Amino acid sequence: MHWTRPLTSALWLSLVALWWLRPSLPVRPEPTPPPAERPQVTSEQLGQVASMLTAKPAPSPSALGMRIAAAARHHVEHSTRGFRQDCSGFVEAILTRAGIRAHGSVLDFHQKATAYGAVHHRPEPLPGDLVFFHNTYDRNRNGRQDDLYTHIGVVVDLEPDGTIVLAHHGSRRSLVRMNLQPDKVHLHKDETGKVVNSHLKRTYLAPFNWPLRLTSESWAGFATVGEAQSWSYKD
């Protein structure tokens, strides 16, 4: 039995040698994770980004605009004696009080605005801007909604929710409201019951029950009045 220990030692040495001399096994590579999916960008999203990058900031209210807005509030409560008792006569009185020479019809005012490059369609105008509307009555009496620039008013204020307060002369001198924000443009009242778009024409005044009666639905654009401009068709 004296050979047991040497044999055991030799056996262990042989096993260790075989372990060191064993052929190396191929290492299995880690699986490559699939590429992350690239989020799809819609053309609408691209358009929104482009609009944000190219949009010009809205101008600030001017001293003239604030004078026009104040004159509009004044004439809602006080007579416009000496001027025609209609929407364009009302605007004449307002601009005259603010120091601007003015005379003409709604179409005359819009032609002046176009000539001055003053027309804009921003959903949030400035105090003192003129506001134009289409199809507020059947001017040519053909029973169709094809009467452009039939009504005019003046912007007097802009509320935090985007509602625009306007002074105009319809059946009487008054303040009305209009909201051109996408979620309110077709509403008469919002979820709180607040009027965001007033009626410019009532059912009994609308030939053939015309559907477009709200301020937002008849809106045609705004125009910003500038200093040293004449808004009289005679000039």
Protein backbone atom coordinates (compact mmCIF):
# COMPACT_ATOMS: atom_id res chain seq x y z
CA MET A 1 0.00 0.00 0.00
CA HIS A 2 3.02 2.33 -0.08
CA TRP A 3 2.40 3.24 -3.73
CA THR A 4 -1.01 4.80 -3.10
CA ARG A 5 0.17 8.30 -2.19
CA PRO A 6 2.65 8.67 -5.14
CA LEU A 7 0.03 7.35 -7.54
CA THR A 8 -2.55 9.71 -6.22
CA SER A 9 -0.18 12.66 -6.55
CA ALA A 10 0.75 11.65 -10.11
CA LEU A 11 -2.93 11.34 -11.01
CA TRP A 12 -3.67 14.83 -9.76
CA LEU A 13 -0.73 16.26 -11.66
CA SER A 14 -1.96 14.55 -14.82
CA LEU A 15 -5.46 15.96 -14.38
CA VAL A 16 -4.13 19.48 -13.82
CA ALA A 17 -1.92 19.21 -16.93
CA LEU A 18 -4.86 18.00 -19.03
CA TRP A 19 -6.99 20.92 -17.79
CA TRP A 20 -4.37 23.48 -18.79
CA LEU A 21 -3.80 21.82 -22.18
CA ARG A 22 -7.50 21.47 -23.02
CA PRO A 23 -8.58 23.02 -26.35
CA SER A 24 -10.23 26.37 -25.91
CA LEU A 25 -13.92 26.35 -26.59
CA PRO A 26 -15.39 29.03 -28.86
CA VAL A 27 -16.95 31.86 -26.92
CA ARG A 28 -20.57 32.41 -27.85
CA PRO A 29 -21.01 36.08 -28.70
CA GLU A 30 -23.59 38.10 -26.84
CA PRO A 31 -26.70 38.58 -28.95
CA THR A 32 -26.84 41.99 -30.62
CA PRO A 33 -29.90 43.93 -29.50
CA PRO A 34 -32.24 44.96 -32.30
CA PRO A 35 -31.87 48.58 -33.39
CA ALA A 36 -34.21 50.96 -31.60
CA GLU A 37 -37.15 52.00 -33.70
CA ARG A 38 -36.89 55.57 -34.89
CA PRO A 39 -40.01 57.53 -33.94
CA GLN A 40 -42.16 58.45 -36.90
CA VAL A 41 -42.62 62.21 -37.39
CA THR A 42 -45.78 63.23 -39.18
CA SER A 43 -45.95 66.00 -41.75
CA GLU A 44 -48.28 67.86 -39.39
CA GLN A 45 -45.64 67.81 -36.64
CA LEU A 46 -43.00 69.01 -39.08
CA GLY A 47 -45.32 71.82 -40.13
CA GLN A 48 -45.86 72.84 -36.52
CA VAL A 49 -42.13 72.94 -35.87
CA ALA A 50 -41.56 74.96 -39.04
CA SER A 51 -44.27 77.40 -38.00
CA MET A 52 -42.69 77.89 -34.58
CA LEU A 53 -39.27 78.47 -36.13
CA THR A 54 -40.50 80.93 -38.75
CA ALA A 55 -43.37 82.64 -36.90
CA LYS A 56 -42.85 86.31 -36.23
CA PRO A 57 -43.69 87.53 -32.75
CA ALA A 58 -46.91 89.53 -32.56
CA PRO A 59 -46.25 93.28 -32.37
CA SER A 60 -46.95 95.13 -29.14
CA PRO A 61 -49.93 97.48 -28.78
CA SER A 62 -49.12 100.98 -29.96
CA ALA A 63 -50.09 104.29 -28.39
CA LEU A 64 -52.32 104.96 -31.40
CA GLY A 65 -53.99 101.57 -31.05
CA MET A 66 -54.75 102.26 -27.40
CA ARG A 67 -56.24 105.67 -28.34
CA ILE A 68 -58.45 104.02 -30.96
CA ALA A 69 -59.58 101.36 -28.47
CA ALA A 70 -60.38 104.06 -25.89
CA ALA A 71 -62.31 106.06 -28.49
CA ALA A 72 -64.28 102.92 -29.40
CA ARG A 73 -65.26 102.33 -25.77
CA HIS A 74 -66.26 106.00 -25.51
CA HIS A 75 -68.55 105.88 -28.53
CA VAL A 76 -70.24 102.67 -27.40
CA GLU A 77 -71.66 104.80 -24.57
CA HIS A 78 -71.75 108.24 -26.20
CA SER A 79 -73.38 109.54 -29.34
CA THR A 80 -71.65 109.62 -32.72
CA ARG A 81 -73.72 112.64 -33.77
CA GLY A 82 -72.50 114.06 -37.07
CA PHE A 83 -71.59 110.63 -38.45
CA ARG A 84 -73.69 108.03 -40.25
CA GLN A 85 -75.55 105.77 -37.86
CA ASP A 86 -74.16 102.52 -39.24
CA CYS A 87 -71.04 100.39 -38.77
CA SER A 88 -68.70 102.38 -41.02
CA GLY A 89 -69.98 105.72 -39.67
CA PHE A 90 -69.25 104.39 -36.18
CA VAL A 91 -65.66 103.58 -37.20
CA GLU A 92 -65.30 107.03 -38.78
CA ALA A 93 -66.28 108.62 -35.46
CA ILE A 94 -63.82 106.42 -33.54
CA LEU A 95 -60.86 107.10 -35.81
CA THR A 96 -61.64 110.82 -35.94
CA ARG A 97 -61.69 111.00 -32.13
CA ALA A 98 -58.30 109.22 -32.11
CA GLY A 99 -56.85 111.80 -34.51
CA ILE A 100 -57.07 109.83 -37.77
CA ARG A 101 -58.80 111.26 -40.84
CA ALA A 102 -61.43 108.72 -41.89
CA HIS A 103 -64.38 108.54 -44.25
CA GLY A 104 -65.90 105.76 -46.34
CA SER A 105 -67.84 102.53 -46.50
CA VAL A 106 -66.71 99.10 -45.26
CA LEU A 107 -65.34 98.36 -48.73
CA ASP A 108 -63.50 101.71 -48.77
CA PHE A 109 -61.87 100.94 -45.42
CA HIS A 110 -60.79 97.51 -46.61
CA GLN A 111 -59.31 98.95 -49.80
CA LYS A 112 -57.33 101.43 -47.71
CA ALA A 113 -56.13 98.63 -45.43
CA THR A 114 -54.99 96.61 -48.45
CA ALA A 115 -53.20 99.62 -49.97
CA TYR A 116 -51.33 100.21 -46.69
CA GLY A 117 -50.43 96.53 -46.33
CA ALA A 118 -52.21 96.64 -42.98
CA VAL A 119 -54.42 93.54 -43.35
CA HIS A 120 -53.55 90.53 -41.18
CA HIS A 121 -55.20 87.31 -40.03
CA ARG A 122 -53.55 86.64 -36.67
CA PRO A 123 -56.01 85.04 -34.24
CA GLU A 124 -54.97 87.55 -31.57
CA PRO A 125 -55.16 91.13 -32.89
CA LEU A 126 -54.04 94.36 -31.23
CA PRO A 127 -56.24 96.88 -29.45
CA GLY A 128 -57.33 99.48 -31.98
CA ASP A 129 -57.24 97.10 -34.96
CA LEU A 130 -60.13 97.28 -37.39
CA VAL A 131 -62.06 94.04 -37.90
CA PHE A 132 -63.94 93.07 -41.07
CA PHE A 133 -66.77 90.60 -41.65
CA HIS A 134 -68.41 88.94 -44.66
CA ASN A 135 -72.06 88.10 -45.28
CA THR A 136 -73.61 89.89 -42.31
CA TYR A 137 -76.52 90.80 -44.58
CA ASP A 138 -77.63 90.13 -48.14
CA ARG A 139 -76.23 93.31 -49.68
CA ASN A 140 -76.96 92.37 -53.31
CA ARG A 141 -80.29 90.71 -52.40
CA ASN A 142 -79.68 87.54 -54.37
CA GLY A 143 -80.26 85.16 -51.46
CA ARG A 144 -76.66 83.87 -51.51
CA GLN A 145 -73.73 84.18 -49.13
CA ASP A 146 -71.53 86.05 -51.58
CA ASP A 147 -71.39 89.51 -49.97
CA LEU A 148 -67.83 90.40 -49.02
CA TYR A 149 -66.85 93.04 -46.44
CA THR A 150 -70.31 93.93 -45.24
CA HIS A 151 -69.48 94.90 -41.65
CA ILE A 152 -66.69 96.57 -39.69
CA GLY A 153 -65.79 97.11 -36.03
CA VAL A 154 -62.86 97.93 -33.75
CA VAL A 155 -60.89 95.72 -31.36
CA VAL A 156 -60.98 97.14 -27.82
CA ASP A 157 -59.50 94.32 -25.73
CA LEU A 158 -58.11 90.77 -25.72
CA GLU A 159 -59.07 88.50 -22.81
CA PRO A 160 -56.73 85.83 -21.32
CA ASP A 161 -58.55 82.93 -23.03
CA GLY A 162 -58.13 84.56 -26.45
CA THR A 163 -61.61 86.10 -26.60
CA ILE A 164 -61.53 89.39 -28.52
CA VAL A 165 -63.78 92.22 -27.37
CA LEU A 166 -65.07 94.31 -30.28
CA ALA A 167 -66.99 97.58 -30.52
CA HIS A 168 -69.42 97.84 -33.43
CA HIS A 169 -72.64 99.40 -34.58
CA GLY A 170 -75.19 96.78 -35.61
CA SER A 171 -78.76 97.39 -34.63
CA ARG A 172 -77.17 99.57 -31.92
CA ARG A 173 -73.73 100.51 -30.62
CA SER A 174 -72.42 97.68 -28.45
CA LEU A 175 -69.55 95.42 -27.44
CA VAL A 176 -69.48 91.90 -28.85
CA ARG A 177 -67.05 89.00 -28.54
CA MET A 178 -65.15 86.75 -30.91
CA ASN A 179 -62.72 83.89 -30.29
CA LEU A 180 -60.62 82.43 -33.13
CA GLN A 181 -58.82 79.77 -31.06
CA PRO A 182 -59.29 76.29 -32.63
CA ASP A 183 -61.25 74.89 -29.68
CA LYS A 184 -63.63 77.86 -29.49
CA VAL A 185 -64.01 79.17 -33.03
CA HIS A 186 -67.37 77.45 -33.63
CA LEU A 187 -68.81 77.93 -30.14
CA HIS A 188 -71.32 80.54 -29.04
CA LYS A 189 -70.61 79.77 -25.36
CA ASP A 190 -67.79 77.79 -23.75
CA GLU A 191 -68.15 75.06 -21.12
CA THR A 192 -68.53 77.68 -18.37
CA GLY A 193 -71.39 79.44 -20.14
CA LYS A 194 -69.29 82.44 -21.14
CA VAL A 195 -70.11 83.93 -24.55
CA VAL A 196 -66.97 83.59 -26.71
CA ASN A 197 -68.59 84.30 -30.10
CA SER A 198 -71.52 86.69 -30.33
CA HIS A 199 -74.25 86.55 -32.94
CA LEU A 200 -73.83 89.11 -35.70
CA LYS A 201 -77.12 88.21 -37.39
CA ARG A 202 -80.24 86.64 -35.99
CA THR A 203 -82.40 83.98 -37.62
CA TYR A 204 -85.09 86.45 -38.64
CA LEU A 205 -82.50 88.66 -40.37
CA ALA A 206 -80.82 85.81 -42.24
CA PRO A 207 -82.34 85.04 -45.67
CA PHE A 208 -83.10 81.35 -46.19
CA ASN A 209 -81.96 80.66 -42.63
CA TRP A 210 -78.25 81.22 -43.34
CA PRO A 211 -76.17 79.08 -40.96
CA LEU A 212 -73.21 81.44 -40.49
CA ARG A 213 -74.21 83.85 -37.75
CA LEU A 214 -71.37 83.94 -35.22
CA THR A 215 -68.67 86.61 -35.26
CA SER A 216 -65.98 83.96 -35.83
CA GLU A 217 -67.88 82.42 -38.75
CA SER A 218 -68.25 85.74 -40.60
CA TRP A 219 -64.80 87.10 -39.74
CA ALA A 220 -62.79 88.32 -42.74
CA GLY A 221 -59.60 89.74 -41.20
CA PHE A 222 -58.04 92.58 -39.22
CA ALA A 223 -56.16 95.74 -40.15
CA THR A 224 -53.74 97.75 -38.01
CA VAL A 225 -54.02 101.52 -38.35
CA GLY A 226 -50.74 103.42 -38.54
CA GLU A 227 -49.78 106.93 -37.49
CA ALA A 228 -49.95 109.67 -40.14
CA GLN A 229 -52.28 107.61 -42.32
CA SER A 230 -55.48 108.84 -43.89
CA TRP A 231 -58.35 106.37 -43.92
CA SER A 232 -60.58 108.53 -46.08
CA TYR A 233 -61.44 107.29 -49.54
CA LYS A 234 -61.14 110.89 -50.71
CA ASP A 235 -57.38 110.92 -50.08
